[in-house]
Amino acid sequence: MLRKKILIVDDSEFIRKVISFALEGKYEIVTAENGLHALEILYNNKIDLIISDIIMPVMDGYEFVKRIKKEDSLKDIPVIILTTESYKDTKKEFKKLGISDYIVKPVDSDILLEIVDKYLLKGDKNE
Protein backbone atom coordinates (compact mmCIF):
# COMPACT_ATOMS: atom_id res chain seq x y z
CA MET A 1 0.00 0.00 0.00
CA LEU A 2 1.31 3.44 -0.91
CA ARG A 3 1.94 5.72 2.01
CA LYS A 4 0.11 9.02 2.13
CA LYS A 5 2.26 12.04 1.34
CA ILE A 6 2.42 15.09 3.62
CA LEU A 7 3.84 18.48 2.66
CA ILE A 8 5.36 20.40 5.59
CA VAL A 9 5.77 24.13 4.94
CA ASP A 10 7.76 26.13 7.49
CA ASP A 11 10.66 28.56 7.21
CA SER A 12 12.26 26.97 10.27
CA GLU A 13 14.39 23.96 9.35
CA PHE A 14 14.17 22.84 12.99
CA ILE A 15 10.35 22.79 12.92
CA ARG A 16 10.36 20.92 9.59
CA LYS A 17 12.69 18.30 11.09
CA VAL A 18 10.66 17.93 14.31
CA ILE A 19 7.42 17.41 12.40
CA SER A 20 9.07 15.10 9.87
CA PHE A 21 10.54 13.00 12.67
CA ALA A 22 7.12 12.69 14.36
CA LEU A 23 5.44 11.51 11.13
CA GLU A 24 8.10 9.60 9.19
CA GLY A 25 7.72 5.88 9.02
CA LYS A 26 3.95 6.21 8.88
CA TYR A 27 3.76 8.87 6.15
CA GLU A 28 5.96 10.05 3.29
CA ILE A 29 7.24 13.56 4.02
CA VAL A 30 8.06 16.41 1.62
CA THR A 31 9.18 19.81 2.91
CA ALA A 32 9.22 23.42 1.72
CA GLU A 33 10.56 26.56 3.37
CA ASN A 34 7.81 28.94 2.15
CA GLY A 35 4.50 29.04 0.32
CA LEU A 36 6.00 29.69 -3.10
CA HIS A 37 8.28 26.65 -2.86
CA ALA A 38 5.30 24.64 -1.57
CA LEU A 39 3.21 25.59 -4.62
CA GLU A 40 5.95 24.28 -6.91
CA ILE A 41 5.90 20.98 -5.01
CA LEU A 42 2.10 20.79 -5.16
CA TYR A 43 2.10 21.27 -8.94
CA ASN A 44 4.53 18.37 -9.38
CA ASN A 45 3.45 15.86 -6.70
CA LYS A 46 0.31 14.24 -5.37
CA ILE A 47 0.06 15.54 -1.81
CA ASP A 48 -2.55 14.15 0.60
CA LEU A 49 -2.23 16.70 3.43
CA ILE A 50 -0.45 20.02 4.07
CA ILE A 51 0.95 21.24 7.39
CA SER A 52 1.88 24.91 7.08
CA ASP A 53 3.22 27.73 9.20
CA ILE A 54 1.59 31.14 8.86
CA ILE A 55 4.50 33.57 9.26
CA MET A 56 7.07 32.89 6.51
CA PRO A 57 9.14 34.97 4.09
CA VAL A 58 8.51 35.07 0.31
CA MET A 59 4.90 33.81 0.61
CA ASP A 60 3.19 33.50 4.00
CA GLY A 61 0.72 30.83 5.01
CA TYR A 62 -2.34 32.99 4.43
CA GLU A 63 -1.41 33.75 0.81
CA PHE A 64 -0.38 30.13 0.26
CA VAL A 65 -3.73 28.79 1.49
CA LYS A 66 -5.68 31.39 -0.53
CA ARG A 67 -3.83 30.26 -3.67
CA ILE A 68 -4.41 26.54 -3.20
CA LYS A 69 -8.08 27.01 -2.32
CA LYS A 70 -8.58 28.75 -5.71
CA GLU A 71 -7.14 25.78 -7.63
CA ASP A 72 -9.60 23.00 -8.48
CA SER A 73 -6.86 20.37 -8.39
CA LEU A 74 -5.61 21.47 -4.94
CA LYS A 75 -8.56 22.92 -3.04
CA ASP A 76 -9.65 19.63 -1.44
CA ILE A 77 -6.28 18.86 0.18
CA PRO A 78 -6.67 19.18 3.97
CA VAL A 79 -4.56 22.00 5.42
CA ILE A 80 -3.40 22.03 9.03
CA ILE A 81 -1.92 25.33 10.19
CA LEU A 82 0.90 25.67 12.70
CA THR A 83 0.41 28.77 14.81
CA THR A 84 1.57 30.40 18.01
CA GLU A 85 -1.90 31.87 18.52
CA SER A 86 -5.03 30.15 19.79
CA TYR A 87 -7.32 33.18 19.84
CA LYS A 88 -10.97 32.90 18.87
CA ASP A 89 -10.57 35.48 16.04
CA THR A 90 -7.72 33.50 14.53
CA LYS A 91 -9.87 30.35 14.51
CA LYS A 92 -12.64 32.22 12.65
CA GLU A 93 -10.13 33.52 10.10
CA PHE A 94 -8.78 30.00 9.54
CA LYS A 95 -12.30 28.66 9.02
CA LYS A 96 -13.03 31.38 6.42
CA LEU A 97 -9.86 30.44 4.52
CA GLY A 98 -10.92 26.81 4.39
CA ILE A 99 -8.27 25.52 6.76
CA SER A 100 -9.11 22.05 8.10
CA ASP A 101 -7.43 22.31 11.50
CA TYR A 102 -4.63 23.99 13.42
CA ILE A 103 -1.95 23.07 15.91
CA VAL A 104 -0.55 25.53 18.44
CA LYS A 105 3.24 25.64 18.73
CA PRO A 106 5.22 24.16 20.38
CA VAL A 107 4.07 21.03 18.56
CA ASP A 108 3.15 18.01 20.67
CA SER A 109 4.00 14.88 18.63
CA ASP A 110 1.03 12.87 19.93
CA ILE A 111 -1.47 15.64 19.16
CA LEU A 112 0.12 16.16 15.74
CA LEU A 113 -0.17 12.48 14.85
CA GLU A 114 -3.75 12.32 16.15
CA ILE A 115 -4.83 15.29 14.00
CA VAL A 116 -2.99 14.06 10.89
CA ASP A 117 -4.45 10.56 11.29
CA LYS A 118 -7.93 12.07 11.62
CA TYR A 119 -7.67 13.45 8.08
CA LEU A 120 -5.60 10.78 6.36
CA LEU A 121 -6.99 7.58 7.84
CA LYS A 122 -10.71 8.32 7.78
CA GLY A 123 -11.13 6.51 4.47
CA ASP A 124 -8.64 3.72 5.19
CA LYS A 125 -9.97 0.47 6.60
CA ASN A 126 -6.52 -1.13 6.48
CA GLU A 127 -5.14 0.87 9.42
C-alpha atoms as a PDB file:
ATOM      1  CA  MET A   1       0.000   0.000   0.000  1.00  0.00           C
ATOM      2  CA  LEU A   2       1.313   3.439  -0.912  1.00  0.00           C
ATOM      3  CA  ARG A   3       1.937   5.719   2.013  1.00  0.00           C
ATOM      4  CA  LYS A   4       0.106   9.021   2.126  1.00  0.00           C
ATOM      5  CA  LYS A   5       2.263  12.042   1.339  1.00  0.00           C
ATOM      6  CA  ILE A   6       2.423  15.094   3.618  1.00  0.00           C
ATOM      7  CA  LEU A   7       3.840  18.479   2.662  1.00  0.00           C
ATOM      8  CA  ILE A   8       5.358  20.397   5.587  1.00  0.00           C
ATOM      9  CA  VAL A   9       5.769  24.127   4.942  1.00  0.00           C
ATOM     10  CA  ASP A  10       7.756  26.133   7.488  1.00  0.00           C
ATOM     11  CA  ASP A  11      10.661  28.563   7.206  1.00  0.00           C
ATOM     12  CA  SER A  12      12.264  26.969  10.269  1.00  0.00           C
ATOM     13  CA  GLU A  13      14.389  23.955   9.353  1.00  0.00           C
ATOM     14  CA  PHE A  14      14.175  22.845  12.988  1.00  0.00           C
ATOM     15  CA  ILE A  15      10.348  22.785  12.918  1.00  0.00           C
ATOM     16  CA  ARG A  16      10.358  20.916   9.590  1.00  0.00           C
ATOM     17  CA  LYS A  17      12.693  18.302  11.090  1.00  0.00           C
ATOM     18  CA  VAL A  18      10.663  17.932  14.311  1.00  0.00           C
ATOM     19  CA  ILE A  19       7.416  17.409  12.404  1.00  0.00           C
ATOM     20  CA  SER A  20       9.067  15.097   9.874  1.00  0.00           C
ATOM     21  CA  PHE A  21      10.537  12.996  12.670  1.00  0.00           C
ATOM     22  CA  ALA A  22       7.121  12.691  14.357  1.00  0.00           C
ATOM     23  CA  LEU A  23       5.445  11.506  11.133  1.00  0.00           C
ATOM     24  CA  GLU A  24       8.101   9.602   9.190  1.00  0.00           C
ATOM     25  CA  GLY A  25       7.723   5.875   9.025  1.00  0.00           C
ATOM     26  CA  LYS A  26       3.951   6.213   8.877  1.00  0.00           C
ATOM     27  CA  TYR A  27       3.764   8.869   6.149  1.00  0.00           C
ATOM     28  CA  GLU A  28       5.955  10.051   3.295  1.00  0.00           C
ATOM     29  CA  ILE A  29       7.243  13.560   4.018  1.00  0.00           C
ATOM     30  CA  VAL A  30       8.056  16.410   1.615  1.00  0.00           C
ATOM     31  CA  THR A  31       9.177  19.815   2.913  1.00  0.00           C
ATOM     32  CA  ALA A  32       9.223  23.424   1.717  1.00  0.00           C
ATOM     33  CA  GLU A  33      10.563  26.565   3.365  1.00  0.00           C
ATOM     34  CA  ASN A  34       7.810  28.944   2.152  1.00  0.00           C
ATOM     35  CA  GLY A  35       4.496  29.041   0.323  1.00  0.00           C
ATOM     36  CA  LEU A  36       6.001  29.686  -3.096  1.00  0.00           C
ATOM     37  CA  HIS A  37       8.278  26.649  -2.865  1.00  0.00           C
ATOM     38  CA  ALA A  38       5.299  24.637  -1.569  1.00  0.00           C
ATOM     39  CA  LEU A  39       3.205  25.590  -4.615  1.00  0.00           C
ATOM     40  CA  GLU A  40       5.951  24.285  -6.915  1.00  0.00           C
ATOM     41  CA  ILE A  41       5.904  20.983  -5.010  1.00  0.00           C
ATOM     42  CA  LEU A  42       2.099  20.790  -5.165  1.00  0.00           C
ATOM     43  CA  TYR A  43       2.096  21.268  -8.945  1.00  0.00           C
ATOM     44  CA  ASN A  44       4.533  18.366  -9.380  1.00  0.00           C
ATOM     45  CA  ASN A  45       3.451  15.861  -6.704  1.00  0.00           C
ATOM     46  CA  LYS A  46       0.312  14.241  -5.367  1.00  0.00           C
ATOM     47  CA  ILE A  47       0.062  15.543  -1.809  1.00  0.00           C
ATOM     48  CA  ASP A  48      -2.550  14.154   0.604  1.00  0.00           C
ATOM     49  CA  LEU A  49      -2.234  16.705   3.431  1.00  0.00           C
ATOM     50  CA  ILE A  50      -0.454  20.016   4.065  1.00  0.00           C
ATOM     51  CA  ILE A  51       0.950  21.237   7.389  1.00  0.00           C
ATOM     52  CA  SER A  52       1.884  24.911   7.081  1.00  0.00           C
ATOM     53  CA  ASP A  53       3.222  27.725   9.198  1.00  0.00           C
ATOM     54  CA  ILE A  54       1.588  31.144   8.860  1.00  0.00           C
ATOM     55  CA  ILE A  55       4.497  33.569   9.261  1.00  0.00           C
ATOM     56  CA  MET A  56       7.071  32.889   6.512  1.00  0.00           C
ATOM     57  CA  PRO A  57       9.142  34.971   4.094  1.00  0.00           C
ATOM     58  CA  VAL A  58       8.506  35.074   0.314  1.00  0.00           C
ATOM     59  CA  MET A  59       4.902  33.806   0.614  1.00  0.00           C
ATOM     60  CA  ASP A  60       3.193  33.497   3.996  1.00  0.00           C
ATOM     61  CA  GLY A  61       0.721  30.826   5.012  1.00  0.00           C
ATOM     62  CA  TYR A  62      -2.344  32.994   4.433  1.00  0.00           C
ATOM     63  CA  GLU A  63      -1.415  33.754   0.813  1.00  0.00           C
ATOM     64  CA  PHE A  64      -0.382  30.130   0.257  1.00  0.00           C
ATOM     65  CA  VAL A  65      -3.733  28.785   1.493  1.00  0.00           C
ATOM     66  CA  LYS A  66      -5.679  31.387  -0.529  1.00  0.00           C
ATOM     67  CA  ARG A  67      -3.833  30.263  -3.666  1.00  0.00           C
ATOM     68  CA  ILE A  68      -4.412  26.536  -3.200  1.00  0.00           C
ATOM     69  CA  LYS A  69      -8.084  27.009  -2.317  1.00  0.00           C
ATOM     70  CA  LYS A  70      -8.576  28.754  -5.713  1.00  0.00           C
ATOM     71  CA  GLU A  71      -7.137  25.782  -7.635  1.00  0.00           C
ATOM     72  CA  ASP A  72      -9.599  23.000  -8.482  1.00  0.00           C
ATOM     73  CA  SER A  73      -6.858  20.366  -8.390  1.00  0.00           C
ATOM     74  CA  LEU A  74      -5.606  21.473  -4.943  1.00  0.00           C
ATOM     75  CA  LYS A  75      -8.557  22.916  -3.037  1.00  0.00           C
ATOM     76  CA  ASP A  76      -9.647  19.632  -1.436  1.00  0.00           C
ATOM     77  CA  ILE A  77      -6.279  18.857   0.180  1.00  0.00           C
ATOM     78  CA  PRO A  78      -6.674  19.177   3.970  1.00  0.00           C
ATOM     79  CA  VAL A  79      -4.558  22.005   5.416  1.00  0.00           C
ATOM     80  CA  ILE A  80      -3.397  22.034   9.026  1.00  0.00           C
ATOM     81  CA  ILE A  81      -1.917  25.327  10.185  1.00  0.00           C
ATOM     82  CA  LEU A  82       0.899  25.671  12.698  1.00  0.00           C
ATOM     83  CA  THR A  83       0.408  28.767  14.811  1.00  0.00           C
ATOM     84  CA  THR A  84       1.568  30.398  18.005  1.00  0.00           C
ATOM     85  CA  GLU A  85      -1.901  31.870  18.517  1.00  0.00           C
ATOM     86  CA  SER A  86      -5.027  30.149  19.790  1.00  0.00           C
ATOM     87  CA  TYR A  87      -7.321  33.182  19.842  1.00  0.00           C
ATOM     88  CA  LYS A  88     -10.967  32.901  18.866  1.00  0.00           C
ATOM     89  CA  ASP A  89     -10.574  35.480  16.038  1.00  0.00           C
ATOM     90  CA  THR A  90      -7.719  33.497  14.532  1.00  0.00           C
ATOM     91  CA  LYS A  91      -9.870  30.350  14.509  1.00  0.00           C
ATOM     92  CA  LYS A  92     -12.636  32.225  12.652  1.00  0.00           C
ATOM     93  CA  GLU A  93     -10.133  33.523  10.101  1.00  0.00           C
ATOM     94  CA  PHE A  94      -8.780  30.004   9.545  1.00  0.00           C
ATOM     95  CA  LYS A  95     -12.301  28.660   9.021  1.00  0.00           C
ATOM     96  CA  LYS A  96     -13.030  31.376   6.424  1.00  0.00           C
ATOM     97  CA  LEU A  97      -9.862  30.444   4.522  1.00  0.00           C
ATOM     98  CA  GLY A  98     -10.918  26.808   4.389  1.00  0.00           C
ATOM     99  CA  ILE A  99      -8.267  25.520   6.761  1.00  0.00           C
ATOM    100  CA  SER A 100      -9.109  22.055   8.100  1.00  0.00           C
ATOM    101  CA  ASP A 101      -7.429  22.310  11.501  1.00  0.00           C
ATOM    102  CA  TYR A 102      -4.631  23.990  13.417  1.00  0.00           C
ATOM    103  CA  ILE A 103      -1.947  23.073  15.914  1.00  0.00           C
ATOM    104  CA  VAL A 104      -0.548  25.530  18.439  1.00  0.00           C
ATOM    105  CA  LYS A 105       3.239  25.638  18.731  1.00  0.00           C
ATOM    106  CA  PRO A 106       5.216  24.159  20.381  1.00  0.00           C
ATOM    107  CA  VAL A 107       4.070  21.035  18.565  1.00  0.00           C
ATOM    108  CA  ASP A 108       3.150  18.005  20.671  1.00  0.00           C
ATOM    109  CA  SER A 109       3.997  14.882  18.627  1.00  0.00           C
ATOM    110  CA  ASP A 110       1.033  12.873  19.934  1.00  0.00           C
ATOM    111  CA  ILE A 111      -1.472  15.639  19.160  1.00  0.00           C
ATOM    112  CA  LEU A 112       0.117  16.164  15.738  1.00  0.00           C
ATOM    113  CA  LEU A 113      -0.172  12.476  14.855  1.00  0.00           C
ATOM    114  CA  GLU A 114      -3.751  12.323  16.146  1.00  0.00           C
ATOM    115  CA  ILE A 115      -4.826  15.294  13.996  1.00  0.00           C
ATOM    116  CA  VAL A 116      -2.988  14.059  10.888  1.00  0.00           C
ATOM    117  CA  ASP A 117      -4.453  10.558  11.292  1.00  0.00           C
ATOM    118  CA  LYS A 118      -7.927  12.072  11.616  1.00  0.00           C
ATOM    119  CA  TYR A 119      -7.670  13.453   8.076  1.00  0.00           C
ATOM    120  CA  LEU A 120      -5.598  10.775   6.363  1.00  0.00           C
ATOM    121  CA  LEU A 121      -6.994   7.579   7.837  1.00  0.00           C
ATOM    122  CA  LYS A 122     -10.705   8.324   7.783  1.00  0.00           C
ATOM    123  CA  GLY A 123     -11.129   6.511   4.469  1.00  0.00           C
ATOM    124  CA  ASP A 124      -8.642   3.725   5.194  1.00  0.00           C
ATOM    125  CA  LYS A 125      -9.970   0.466   6.598  1.00  0.00           C
ATOM    126  CA  ASN A 126      -6.516  -1.128   6.481  1.00  0.00           C
ATOM    127  CA  GLU A 127      -5.138   0.868   9.416  1.00  0.00           C
END
